[in-house]
Each structure stands twice: as C-alpha cells, then as structure tokens.
Amino acid sequence: MNLGDQTINEFLSSLSAKQPTPGGGAVAGLLAALSSSLGQMVLAYTEGKKKYEKFEEENNISISLFKTSAQHAISLGNEDALVYSALNELWKLDKDDPKRIAEWDMALTDAIEVPLRVLELCDVVANTIQSLVGKTNTMLSSDLVIAGILAEAGARCALQNVEINVNLLENEKKKKEYQTRANMHVDCCVRSCSSIESSCKI
C-alpha cells in the first residue's frame, strides 16, 4: 500500500508486522516528510505577520520547497520499499542463479541510491529550516527545533540503509564514493540541527 494513503494506525500495523517492508527506509522517508510539514506549519503561523513582512518572499519560497519535499519524501519511502523488496527476493536465490547474477548489481545500486536520495533531501530540508531562524514566529521556535531534529533523524536513519547495502559492494572505489557522499550530508544535517537548537534557545 502507498505510504501516503495509509492511516497512522495502518502504517504502524504494517511496520510492526513480520514482513520485509515497510521498514527503516519508509521510516526515514516519513521523518523527512514530517520535518517538511512541521516547517511549513511554522511558516503558516508566520504568514501575514507585519513583523516578518520583509521575509515574506523568502518564506514563500521555503513554503513551496517544504510542500514539494514532503511529497517527494513519501515517494522515496515508497520507492525504498520497492527496491528493497527486489533486492530481498534476489537475496533468497543461490549466488549462481542466473536471475541473481543478471539483476544483482542493479538491484543493489538501487537499494543504495534511494536512501541516499532521502539523505540528500533531509540535508536540503534541514538547511532550509536553519535559514528560517529569526525569520519566523518565535512562538513556534520549539516546532522549528523539532523540525530540524526530525530532518536529522531522517538523515541518520537513511544513512543506516545506505551503509548496510554499501557493505555488499565489491567495488572498493564505489564503496568509498557512496560513503563519502552519505557522511557529508549527515554531517551537514547535524550541523544545521545544532545551529537551529542553539539559535532558538530562549
């Protein structure tokens, strides 16, 4: 079932079941979507406030970004379930099975690239949230901090899925490239979140 079409209870039920998907990849995507939506809420409460008029154009750009990123995050959560299911089916086959030999490399690449895109999205979202500090309703500063924490959590979750699949690669150069990209985005998220928290302290 599409992640975006499920009720919270339906998602929790399917997440807790003994089945390959949804799993951590869907959770990472959902965290990115929650972060985006909470950031959008902060902007909704800022919109129309005279105190923040000079930031209106910039904030409108952020609203648009959050809307898009929330939808994209859900799509990536769904895609993660699909690519993991494909890899999981190949995993069950013997290593010398023709189907596994023919499809393994592409399936493994997909299982790395999708969570990596979630990670990259979390970085963009966290950076956008950081840019809102001082430009949004201070009554919602705690929500801004929580939005940042959610983005960082999504990135850290996605990193786990990247790393576990990267370790299956035989090409050491590709391993290093993927790991470097992933670590860079996580580090950026951590710095953004730390900055948001320290800046929003009363």
N, C-alpha and C. Protein backbone atom coordinates (compact mmCIF):
# COMPACT_ATOMS: atom_id res chain seq x y z
N MET A 1 0.84 -1.20 0.00
CA MET A 1 0.00 0.00 0.00
C MET A 1 0.88 1.25 0.00
N ASN A 2 0.41 2.27 -0.69
CA ASN A 2 1.12 3.54 -0.76
C ASN A 2 1.23 4.15 0.63
N LEU A 3 2.44 4.55 1.01
CA LEU A 3 2.68 5.13 2.32
C LEU A 3 1.80 6.35 2.58
N GLY A 4 1.61 7.16 1.56
CA GLY A 4 0.82 8.37 1.71
C GLY A 4 -0.67 8.12 1.84
N ASP A 5 -1.13 6.93 1.48
CA ASP A 5 -2.56 6.61 1.54
C ASP A 5 -2.96 5.92 2.84
N GLN A 6 -1.98 5.52 3.64
CA GLN A 6 -2.27 4.79 4.87
C GLN A 6 -2.61 5.72 6.02
N THR A 7 -3.51 5.26 6.89
CA THR A 7 -3.71 5.97 8.15
C THR A 7 -2.50 5.70 9.04
N ILE A 8 -2.38 6.47 10.11
CA ILE A 8 -1.25 6.25 11.03
C ILE A 8 -1.31 4.84 11.60
N ASN A 9 -2.50 4.41 12.01
CA ASN A 9 -2.64 3.07 12.58
C ASN A 9 -2.32 1.98 11.58
N GLU A 10 -2.73 2.17 10.33
CA GLU A 10 -2.42 1.19 9.28
C GLU A 10 -0.91 1.09 9.06
N PHE A 11 -0.26 2.24 9.04
CA PHE A 11 1.19 2.24 8.84
C PHE A 11 1.89 1.56 10.01
N LEU A 12 1.49 1.88 11.23
CA LEU A 12 2.12 1.27 12.40
C LEU A 12 1.91 -0.24 12.42
N SER A 13 0.73 -0.66 12.00
CA SER A 13 0.43 -2.09 11.95
C SER A 13 1.31 -2.80 10.93
N SER A 14 1.44 -2.22 9.74
CA SER A 14 2.26 -2.84 8.70
C SER A 14 3.74 -2.76 9.06
N LEU A 15 4.14 -1.68 9.72
CA LEU A 15 5.54 -1.52 10.12
C LEU A 15 5.94 -2.55 11.17
N SER A 16 5.02 -2.88 12.06
CA SER A 16 5.33 -3.81 13.16
C SER A 16 5.21 -5.28 12.76
N ALA A 17 4.68 -5.53 11.55
CA ALA A 17 4.47 -6.91 11.11
C ALA A 17 5.78 -7.58 10.68
N LYS A 18 5.77 -8.91 10.72
CA LYS A 18 6.94 -9.68 10.30
C LYS A 18 6.93 -9.79 8.78
N GLN A 19 7.41 -8.74 8.15
CA GLN A 19 7.47 -8.66 6.69
C GLN A 19 8.58 -7.68 6.31
N PRO A 20 9.16 -7.85 5.13
CA PRO A 20 10.32 -7.03 4.75
C PRO A 20 10.05 -5.53 4.66
N THR A 21 8.87 -5.19 4.17
CA THR A 21 8.52 -3.77 4.02
C THR A 21 7.10 -3.53 4.52
N PRO A 22 6.82 -2.32 5.03
CA PRO A 22 7.74 -1.19 5.21
C PRO A 22 8.72 -1.44 6.35
N GLY A 23 9.85 -0.76 6.28
CA GLY A 23 10.85 -0.89 7.32
C GLY A 23 11.53 0.44 7.57
N GLY A 24 12.82 0.38 7.85
CA GLY A 24 13.56 1.59 8.18
C GLY A 24 13.58 2.62 7.07
N GLY A 25 13.56 2.17 5.82
CA GLY A 25 13.56 3.10 4.70
C GLY A 25 12.31 3.94 4.64
N ALA A 26 11.17 3.30 4.91
CA ALA A 26 9.90 4.04 4.93
C ALA A 26 9.88 5.02 6.09
N VAL A 27 10.44 4.61 7.22
CA VAL A 27 10.51 5.48 8.39
C VAL A 27 11.36 6.71 8.09
N ALA A 28 12.49 6.50 7.42
CA ALA A 28 13.36 7.63 7.06
C ALA A 28 12.62 8.62 6.16
N GLY A 29 11.90 8.10 5.17
CA GLY A 29 11.13 8.96 4.29
C GLY A 29 10.04 9.71 5.03
N LEU A 30 9.38 9.01 5.95
CA LEU A 30 8.31 9.63 6.73
C LEU A 30 8.86 10.75 7.62
N LEU A 31 10.02 10.52 8.21
CA LEU A 31 10.64 11.55 9.05
C LEU A 31 10.95 12.81 8.24
N ALA A 32 11.43 12.63 7.02
CA ALA A 32 11.70 13.78 6.15
C ALA A 32 10.42 14.52 5.82
N ALA A 33 9.34 13.77 5.59
CA ALA A 33 8.05 14.39 5.29
C ALA A 33 7.50 15.14 6.50
N LEU A 34 7.65 14.54 7.68
CA LEU A 34 7.19 15.19 8.91
C LEU A 34 7.96 16.48 9.17
N SER A 35 9.26 16.44 8.95
CA SER A 35 10.09 17.62 9.12
C SER A 35 9.63 18.74 8.19
N SER A 36 9.40 18.39 6.94
CA SER A 36 8.95 19.37 5.95
C SER A 36 7.60 19.97 6.33
N SER A 37 6.69 19.12 6.76
CA SER A 37 5.34 19.57 7.10
C SER A 37 5.34 20.46 8.34
N LEU A 38 6.17 20.12 9.31
CA LEU A 38 6.25 20.94 10.52
C LEU A 38 6.88 22.29 10.21
N GLY A 39 7.88 22.29 9.36
CA GLY A 39 8.48 23.55 8.92
C GLY A 39 7.46 24.42 8.21
N GLN A 40 6.62 23.78 7.43
CA GLN A 40 5.57 24.51 6.71
C GLN A 40 4.55 25.10 7.68
N MET A 41 4.26 24.36 8.76
CA MET A 41 3.32 24.87 9.76
C MET A 41 3.86 26.14 10.43
N VAL A 42 5.16 26.13 10.75
CA VAL A 42 5.78 27.32 11.34
C VAL A 42 5.62 28.52 10.41
N LEU A 43 5.79 28.29 9.13
CA LEU A 43 5.64 29.37 8.16
C LEU A 43 4.19 29.82 8.03
N ALA A 44 3.26 28.89 8.19
CA ALA A 44 1.84 29.24 8.11
C ALA A 44 1.45 30.20 9.23
N TYR A 45 2.05 30.00 10.40
CA TYR A 45 1.78 30.89 11.54
C TYR A 45 2.57 32.20 11.45
N THR A 46 3.51 32.27 10.54
CA THR A 46 4.30 33.48 10.34
C THR A 46 3.69 34.36 9.25
N GLU A 47 3.02 33.70 8.32
CA GLU A 47 2.44 34.39 7.17
C GLU A 47 1.46 35.48 7.61
N GLY A 48 1.61 36.67 7.04
CA GLY A 48 0.70 37.77 7.35
C GLY A 48 1.10 38.60 8.56
N LYS A 49 2.13 38.18 9.28
CA LYS A 49 2.61 38.93 10.44
C LYS A 49 3.46 40.11 9.97
N LYS A 50 3.08 41.31 10.41
CA LYS A 50 3.78 42.51 9.97
C LYS A 50 5.26 42.47 10.31
N LYS A 51 5.57 41.89 11.46
CA LYS A 51 6.95 41.82 11.94
C LYS A 51 7.87 41.09 10.95
N TYR A 52 7.27 40.16 10.18
CA TYR A 52 8.09 39.32 9.28
C TYR A 52 7.84 39.61 7.81
N GLU A 53 7.23 40.77 7.53
CA GLU A 53 6.90 41.14 6.15
C GLU A 53 8.12 41.13 5.23
N LYS A 54 9.24 41.59 5.73
CA LYS A 54 10.44 41.69 4.89
C LYS A 54 10.99 40.32 4.48
N PHE A 55 10.51 39.27 5.17
CA PHE A 55 10.97 37.91 4.84
C PHE A 55 9.93 37.14 4.02
N GLU A 56 8.84 37.82 3.65
CA GLU A 56 7.71 37.13 3.01
C GLU A 56 8.11 36.39 1.74
N GLU A 57 8.85 37.04 0.87
CA GLU A 57 9.24 36.40 -0.39
C GLU A 57 10.10 35.17 -0.14
N GLU A 58 11.06 35.31 0.74
CA GLU A 58 11.94 34.19 1.08
C GLU A 58 11.16 33.05 1.73
N ASN A 59 10.25 33.42 2.64
CA ASN A 59 9.45 32.41 3.33
C ASN A 59 8.51 31.68 2.38
N ASN A 60 7.99 32.39 1.39
CA ASN A 60 7.12 31.75 0.40
C ASN A 60 7.88 30.70 -0.42
N ILE A 61 9.14 31.00 -0.70
CA ILE A 61 9.98 30.03 -1.41
C ILE A 61 10.16 28.78 -0.54
N SER A 62 10.34 28.99 0.76
CA SER A 62 10.50 27.86 1.69
C SER A 62 9.23 27.04 1.80
N ILE A 63 8.08 27.72 1.79
CA ILE A 63 6.80 27.00 1.82
C ILE A 63 6.69 26.07 0.62
N SER A 64 7.01 26.59 -0.54
CA SER A 64 6.97 25.80 -1.77
C SER A 64 7.92 24.61 -1.69
N LEU A 65 9.11 24.86 -1.16
CA LEU A 65 10.09 23.78 -1.03
C LEU A 65 9.59 22.70 -0.09
N PHE A 66 9.02 23.11 1.04
CA PHE A 66 8.52 22.13 2.01
C PHE A 66 7.38 21.29 1.44
N LYS A 67 6.49 21.93 0.68
CA LYS A 67 5.39 21.19 0.06
C LYS A 67 5.93 20.11 -0.88
N THR A 68 6.87 20.50 -1.70
CA THR A 68 7.46 19.57 -2.66
C THR A 68 8.25 18.48 -1.96
N SER A 69 9.03 18.85 -0.96
CA SER A 69 9.88 17.88 -0.28
C SER A 69 9.07 16.87 0.52
N ALA A 70 7.94 17.29 1.09
CA ALA A 70 7.09 16.36 1.82
C ALA A 70 6.55 15.28 0.89
N GLN A 71 6.09 15.70 -0.28
CA GLN A 71 5.58 14.74 -1.27
C GLN A 71 6.69 13.83 -1.79
N HIS A 72 7.84 14.44 -2.04
CA HIS A 72 8.98 13.68 -2.55
C HIS A 72 9.46 12.66 -1.53
N ALA A 73 9.44 13.04 -0.26
CA ALA A 73 9.87 12.13 0.81
C ALA A 73 8.98 10.89 0.88
N ILE A 74 7.68 11.09 0.74
CA ILE A 74 6.75 9.96 0.75
C ILE A 74 6.99 9.07 -0.46
N SER A 75 7.22 9.68 -1.61
CA SER A 75 7.51 8.90 -2.82
C SER A 75 8.78 8.07 -2.65
N LEU A 76 9.79 8.67 -2.03
CA LEU A 76 11.04 7.94 -1.80
C LEU A 76 10.84 6.82 -0.79
N GLY A 77 9.98 7.05 0.20
CA GLY A 77 9.66 5.99 1.16
C GLY A 77 9.03 4.79 0.47
N ASN A 78 8.13 5.08 -0.47
CA ASN A 78 7.50 4.01 -1.26
C ASN A 78 8.52 3.32 -2.16
N GLU A 79 9.37 4.13 -2.78
CA GLU A 79 10.38 3.58 -3.69
C GLU A 79 11.37 2.70 -2.94
N ASP A 80 11.70 3.11 -1.72
CA ASP A 80 12.63 2.32 -0.92
C ASP A 80 12.07 0.92 -0.66
N ALA A 81 10.77 0.86 -0.38
CA ALA A 81 10.13 -0.44 -0.15
C ALA A 81 10.23 -1.32 -1.40
N LEU A 82 10.05 -0.72 -2.56
CA LEU A 82 10.10 -1.48 -3.81
C LEU A 82 11.51 -2.00 -4.10
N VAL A 83 12.51 -1.12 -3.95
CA VAL A 83 13.88 -1.56 -4.28
C VAL A 83 14.39 -2.57 -3.26
N TYR A 84 13.98 -2.41 -2.00
CA TYR A 84 14.42 -3.39 -1.01
C TYR A 84 13.75 -4.74 -1.26
N SER A 85 12.48 -4.72 -1.63
CA SER A 85 11.78 -5.97 -1.93
C SER A 85 12.46 -6.71 -3.08
N ALA A 86 12.87 -5.96 -4.10
CA ALA A 86 13.55 -6.57 -5.25
C ALA A 86 14.88 -7.19 -4.82
N LEU A 87 15.63 -6.48 -4.00
CA LEU A 87 16.92 -7.00 -3.51
C LEU A 87 16.70 -8.21 -2.61
N ASN A 88 15.68 -8.15 -1.79
CA ASN A 88 15.38 -9.23 -0.86
C ASN A 88 15.03 -10.52 -1.60
N GLU A 89 14.30 -10.39 -2.70
CA GLU A 89 13.93 -11.57 -3.50
C GLU A 89 15.17 -12.20 -4.14
N LEU A 90 16.08 -11.37 -4.60
CA LEU A 90 17.33 -11.89 -5.19
C LEU A 90 18.20 -12.53 -4.12
N TRP A 91 18.17 -11.98 -2.92
CA TRP A 91 18.98 -12.48 -1.81
C TRP A 91 18.63 -13.94 -1.48
N LYS A 92 17.37 -14.29 -1.73
CA LYS A 92 16.89 -15.64 -1.41
C LYS A 92 17.41 -16.69 -2.41
N LEU A 93 17.86 -16.22 -3.56
CA LEU A 93 18.33 -17.14 -4.60
C LEU A 93 19.78 -17.54 -4.37
N ASP A 94 20.16 -18.68 -4.93
CA ASP A 94 21.57 -19.10 -4.87
C ASP A 94 22.44 -18.08 -5.59
N LYS A 95 23.67 -17.94 -5.14
CA LYS A 95 24.57 -16.94 -5.74
C LYS A 95 24.85 -17.20 -7.22
N ASP A 96 24.73 -18.47 -7.63
CA ASP A 96 24.99 -18.80 -9.03
C ASP A 96 23.72 -18.86 -9.87
N ASP A 97 22.59 -18.45 -9.29
CA ASP A 97 21.34 -18.41 -10.04
C ASP A 97 21.43 -17.34 -11.13
N PRO A 98 21.08 -17.67 -12.38
CA PRO A 98 21.20 -16.71 -13.50
C PRO A 98 20.45 -15.40 -13.25
N LYS A 99 19.28 -15.49 -12.64
CA LYS A 99 18.49 -14.28 -12.37
C LYS A 99 19.21 -13.38 -11.38
N ARG A 100 19.77 -13.99 -10.34
CA ARG A 100 20.50 -13.20 -9.34
C ARG A 100 21.75 -12.56 -9.96
N ILE A 101 22.46 -13.33 -10.75
CA ILE A 101 23.68 -12.82 -11.39
C ILE A 101 23.34 -11.64 -12.31
N ALA A 102 22.25 -11.77 -13.06
CA ALA A 102 21.88 -10.74 -14.04
C ALA A 102 21.35 -9.46 -13.39
N GLU A 103 20.66 -9.60 -12.27
CA GLU A 103 19.95 -8.46 -11.70
C GLU A 103 20.56 -7.89 -10.42
N TRP A 104 21.51 -8.61 -9.82
CA TRP A 104 22.02 -8.23 -8.51
C TRP A 104 22.64 -6.83 -8.47
N ASP A 105 23.54 -6.53 -9.39
CA ASP A 105 24.25 -5.24 -9.36
C ASP A 105 23.29 -4.06 -9.43
N MET A 106 22.33 -4.13 -10.32
CA MET A 106 21.37 -3.03 -10.47
C MET A 106 20.47 -2.91 -9.23
N ALA A 107 20.04 -4.06 -8.71
CA ALA A 107 19.18 -4.04 -7.52
C ALA A 107 19.91 -3.46 -6.32
N LEU A 108 21.18 -3.82 -6.18
CA LEU A 108 21.98 -3.31 -5.07
C LEU A 108 22.22 -1.81 -5.22
N THR A 109 22.50 -1.37 -6.43
CA THR A 109 22.70 0.06 -6.68
C THR A 109 21.44 0.85 -6.33
N ASP A 110 20.28 0.33 -6.74
CA ASP A 110 19.01 0.99 -6.41
C ASP A 110 18.80 1.07 -4.90
N ALA A 111 19.15 0.00 -4.21
CA ALA A 111 18.96 -0.07 -2.75
C ALA A 111 19.91 0.87 -2.00
N ILE A 112 20.93 1.34 -2.67
CA ILE A 112 21.84 2.35 -2.10
C ILE A 112 21.39 3.75 -2.49
N GLU A 113 21.05 3.91 -3.76
CA GLU A 113 20.73 5.24 -4.29
C GLU A 113 19.46 5.83 -3.67
N VAL A 114 18.45 5.01 -3.44
CA VAL A 114 17.19 5.55 -2.92
C VAL A 114 17.35 6.13 -1.51
N PRO A 115 17.89 5.38 -0.55
CA PRO A 115 18.10 6.00 0.77
C PRO A 115 19.09 7.16 0.73
N LEU A 116 20.01 7.13 -0.22
CA LEU A 116 20.95 8.25 -0.36
C LEU A 116 20.20 9.50 -0.80
N ARG A 117 19.18 9.33 -1.63
CA ARG A 117 18.37 10.48 -2.05
C ARG A 117 17.52 11.00 -0.89
N VAL A 118 17.08 10.09 -0.02
CA VAL A 118 16.37 10.52 1.19
C VAL A 118 17.30 11.35 2.06
N LEU A 119 18.53 10.88 2.19
CA LEU A 119 19.54 11.56 2.98
C LEU A 119 19.81 12.96 2.43
N GLU A 120 19.95 13.05 1.13
CA GLU A 120 20.19 14.34 0.48
C GLU A 120 19.01 15.29 0.67
N LEU A 121 17.80 14.73 0.61
CA LEU A 121 16.60 15.54 0.82
C LEU A 121 16.55 16.07 2.25
N CYS A 122 16.89 15.24 3.21
CA CYS A 122 16.93 15.66 4.62
C CYS A 122 17.90 16.81 4.81
N ASP A 123 19.01 16.76 4.11
CA ASP A 123 20.01 17.83 4.18
C ASP A 123 19.42 19.14 3.67
N VAL A 124 18.73 19.09 2.54
CA VAL A 124 18.10 20.29 1.98
C VAL A 124 17.05 20.84 2.94
N VAL A 125 16.24 19.95 3.49
CA VAL A 125 15.18 20.37 4.42
C VAL A 125 15.78 21.00 5.67
N ALA A 126 16.78 20.35 6.25
CA ALA A 126 17.42 20.87 7.47
C ALA A 126 18.04 22.24 7.22
N ASN A 127 18.67 22.39 6.08
CA ASN A 127 19.30 23.66 5.73
C ASN A 127 18.26 24.77 5.56
N THR A 128 17.12 24.40 4.98
CA THR A 128 16.03 25.37 4.80
C THR A 128 15.45 25.78 6.15
N ILE A 129 15.28 24.80 7.04
CA ILE A 129 14.77 25.10 8.39
C ILE A 129 15.73 26.04 9.11
N GLN A 130 17.01 25.77 8.98
CA GLN A 130 18.02 26.63 9.61
C GLN A 130 17.91 28.07 9.10
N SER A 131 17.62 28.21 7.82
CA SER A 131 17.53 29.55 7.21
C SER A 131 16.34 30.34 7.73
N LEU A 132 15.39 29.66 8.38
CA LEU A 132 14.18 30.33 8.88
C LEU A 132 14.36 30.93 10.27
N VAL A 133 15.43 30.58 10.94
CA VAL A 133 15.67 31.10 12.29
C VAL A 133 15.75 32.63 12.22
N GLY A 134 14.94 33.29 13.06
CA GLY A 134 14.91 34.75 13.09
C GLY A 134 13.98 35.35 12.06
N LYS A 135 13.38 34.50 11.22
CA LYS A 135 12.50 35.00 10.16
C LYS A 135 11.08 34.45 10.31
N THR A 136 10.84 33.75 11.41
CA THR A 136 9.54 33.12 11.64
C THR A 136 9.05 33.41 13.05
N ASN A 137 7.78 33.14 13.27
CA ASN A 137 7.12 33.39 14.55
C ASN A 137 7.87 32.72 15.70
N THR A 138 8.37 33.52 16.63
CA THR A 138 9.17 32.98 17.74
C THR A 138 8.35 32.12 18.69
N MET A 139 7.02 32.26 18.65
CA MET A 139 6.16 31.43 19.49
C MET A 139 6.24 29.97 19.06
N LEU A 140 6.74 29.73 17.86
CA LEU A 140 6.85 28.37 17.34
C LEU A 140 8.30 27.94 17.21
N SER A 141 9.18 28.55 17.99
CA SER A 141 10.60 28.21 17.91
C SER A 141 10.85 26.75 18.27
N SER A 142 10.07 26.22 19.21
CA SER A 142 10.26 24.80 19.58
C SER A 142 9.88 23.89 18.42
N ASP A 143 8.87 24.29 17.65
CA ASP A 143 8.47 23.49 16.48
C ASP A 143 9.55 23.53 15.41
N LEU A 144 10.22 24.68 15.30
CA LEU A 144 11.31 24.80 14.34
C LEU A 144 12.46 23.87 14.73
N VAL A 145 12.74 23.82 16.03
CA VAL A 145 13.78 22.91 16.53
C VAL A 145 13.40 21.46 16.26
N ILE A 146 12.15 21.12 16.54
CA ILE A 146 11.68 19.74 16.33
C ILE A 146 11.76 19.37 14.85
N ALA A 147 11.41 20.31 13.99
CA ALA A 147 11.51 20.05 12.54
C ALA A 147 12.95 19.73 12.15
N GLY A 148 13.89 20.46 12.74
CA GLY A 148 15.30 20.18 12.48
C GLY A 148 15.72 18.82 12.99
N ILE A 149 15.26 18.48 14.19
CA ILE A 149 15.59 17.18 14.77
C ILE A 149 15.05 16.04 13.90
N LEU A 150 13.84 16.22 13.39
CA LEU A 150 13.24 15.21 12.51
C LEU A 150 14.05 15.03 11.23
N ALA A 151 14.52 16.14 10.67
CA ALA A 151 15.34 16.06 9.46
C ALA A 151 16.64 15.32 9.73
N GLU A 152 17.26 15.63 10.87
CA GLU A 152 18.50 14.93 11.23
C GLU A 152 18.24 13.45 11.46
N ALA A 153 17.14 13.14 12.15
CA ALA A 153 16.79 11.74 12.41
C ALA A 153 16.56 10.99 11.10
N GLY A 154 15.87 11.64 10.15
CA GLY A 154 15.64 11.03 8.85
C GLY A 154 16.95 10.74 8.14
N ALA A 155 17.88 11.68 8.23
CA ALA A 155 19.19 11.51 7.59
C ALA A 155 19.96 10.37 8.22
N ARG A 156 19.94 10.31 9.54
CA ARG A 156 20.68 9.26 10.25
C ARG A 156 20.08 7.88 9.97
N CYS A 157 18.75 7.83 9.85
CA CYS A 157 18.08 6.56 9.51
C CYS A 157 18.46 6.13 8.09
N ALA A 158 18.39 7.08 7.17
CA ALA A 158 18.73 6.77 5.78
C ALA A 158 20.18 6.32 5.66
N LEU A 159 21.05 6.92 6.47
CA LEU A 159 22.47 6.54 6.45
C LEU A 159 22.64 5.06 6.77
N GLN A 160 21.86 4.56 7.72
CA GLN A 160 21.97 3.14 8.09
C GLN A 160 21.66 2.24 6.89
N ASN A 161 20.64 2.63 6.12
CA ASN A 161 20.27 1.83 4.95
C ASN A 161 21.29 1.94 3.83
N VAL A 162 21.90 3.10 3.70
CA VAL A 162 22.97 3.26 2.71
C VAL A 162 24.14 2.36 3.09
N GLU A 163 24.56 2.45 4.34
CA GLU A 163 25.77 1.74 4.78
C GLU A 163 25.63 0.22 4.72
N ILE A 164 24.47 -0.29 5.12
CA ILE A 164 24.31 -1.75 5.15
C ILE A 164 24.37 -2.32 3.74
N ASN A 165 23.91 -1.54 2.76
CA ASN A 165 23.94 -2.01 1.37
C ASN A 165 25.28 -1.71 0.70
N VAL A 166 25.90 -0.60 1.07
CA VAL A 166 27.24 -0.28 0.54
C VAL A 166 28.23 -1.39 0.90
N ASN A 167 28.06 -1.96 2.07
CA ASN A 167 28.97 -3.03 2.52
C ASN A 167 28.89 -4.28 1.65
N LEU A 168 27.83 -4.39 0.85
CA LEU A 168 27.68 -5.54 -0.04
C LEU A 168 28.39 -5.33 -1.38
N LEU A 169 28.82 -4.10 -1.64
CA LEU A 169 29.52 -3.81 -2.89
C LEU A 169 30.90 -4.44 -2.91
N GLU A 170 31.30 -4.91 -4.06
CA GLU A 170 32.65 -5.46 -4.21
C GLU A 170 33.64 -4.40 -4.67
N ASN A 171 33.12 -3.38 -5.33
CA ASN A 171 33.97 -2.31 -5.85
C ASN A 171 34.32 -1.33 -4.73
N GLU A 172 35.57 -1.34 -4.30
CA GLU A 172 36.00 -0.51 -3.17
C GLU A 172 35.92 0.98 -3.48
N LYS A 173 36.17 1.35 -4.73
CA LYS A 173 36.09 2.76 -5.11
C LYS A 173 34.66 3.28 -4.96
N LYS A 174 33.69 2.48 -5.43
CA LYS A 174 32.29 2.87 -5.30
C LYS A 174 31.88 2.93 -3.84
N LYS A 175 32.36 1.98 -3.05
CA LYS A 175 32.07 1.98 -1.62
C LYS A 175 32.46 3.31 -0.99
N LYS A 176 33.69 3.71 -1.27
CA LYS A 176 34.22 4.94 -0.69
C LYS A 176 33.45 6.16 -1.16
N GLU A 177 33.10 6.18 -2.45
CA GLU A 177 32.36 7.32 -3.01
C GLU A 177 30.99 7.46 -2.35
N TYR A 178 30.28 6.35 -2.22
CA TYR A 178 28.97 6.38 -1.59
C TYR A 178 29.07 6.80 -0.13
N GLN A 179 30.03 6.23 0.58
CA GLN A 179 30.20 6.53 2.00
C GLN A 179 30.54 8.00 2.22
N THR A 180 31.39 8.53 1.35
CA THR A 180 31.78 9.94 1.45
C THR A 180 30.58 10.85 1.24
N ARG A 181 29.79 10.55 0.20
CA ARG A 181 28.58 11.35 -0.07
C ARG A 181 27.61 11.29 1.09
N ALA A 182 27.39 10.10 1.60
CA ALA A 182 26.44 9.92 2.70
C ALA A 182 26.90 10.67 3.95
N ASN A 183 28.15 10.50 4.31
CA ASN A 183 28.67 11.15 5.51
C ASN A 183 28.62 12.67 5.40
N MET A 184 28.89 13.18 4.21
CA MET A 184 28.86 14.63 4.00
C MET A 184 27.48 15.20 4.31
N HIS A 185 26.43 14.53 3.80
CA HIS A 185 25.07 15.03 4.01
C HIS A 185 24.63 14.88 5.46
N VAL A 186 25.01 13.79 6.10
CA VAL A 186 24.66 13.61 7.51
C VAL A 186 25.34 14.68 8.36
N ASP A 187 26.60 14.92 8.10
CA ASP A 187 27.34 15.94 8.85
C ASP A 187 26.69 17.32 8.69
N CYS A 188 26.24 17.62 7.48
CA CYS A 188 25.57 18.90 7.23
C CYS A 188 24.26 18.99 8.02
N CYS A 189 23.52 17.89 8.06
CA CYS A 189 22.26 17.85 8.81
C CYS A 189 22.51 18.06 10.30
N VAL A 190 23.52 17.40 10.82
CA VAL A 190 23.85 17.52 12.24
C VAL A 190 24.22 18.96 12.57
N ARG A 191 25.02 19.58 11.72
CA ARG A 191 25.42 20.97 11.95
C ARG A 191 24.21 21.91 11.88
N SER A 192 23.34 21.67 10.91
CA SER A 192 22.14 22.51 10.77
C SER A 192 21.26 22.39 12.00
N CYS A 193 21.04 21.16 12.44
CA CYS A 193 20.18 20.92 13.60
C CYS A 193 20.77 21.55 14.86
N SER A 194 22.07 21.42 15.04
CA SER A 194 22.74 22.01 16.20
C SER A 194 22.61 23.53 16.18
N SER A 195 22.75 24.11 15.00
CA SER A 195 22.62 25.56 14.86
C SER A 195 21.20 26.02 15.16
N ILE A 196 20.21 25.26 14.69
CA ILE A 196 18.80 25.60 14.94
C ILE A 196 18.52 25.58 16.44
N GLU A 197 18.97 24.52 17.10
CA GLU A 197 18.73 24.39 18.55
C GLU A 197 19.37 25.52 19.34
N SER A 198 20.62 25.79 19.05
CA SER A 198 21.33 26.83 19.80
C SER A 198 20.76 28.22 19.52
N SER A 199 20.32 28.45 18.30
CA SER A 199 19.78 29.76 17.92
C SER A 199 18.38 30.00 18.50
N CYS A 200 17.65 28.91 18.73
CA CYS A 200 16.27 29.04 19.21
C CYS A 200 16.15 28.98 20.73
N LYS A 201 17.27 28.81 21.42
CA LYS A 201 17.23 28.78 22.88
C LYS A 201 16.84 30.15 23.42
N ILE A 202 15.96 30.12 24.38
CA ILE A 202 15.48 31.38 24.98
C ILE A 202 16.48 31.85 26.03
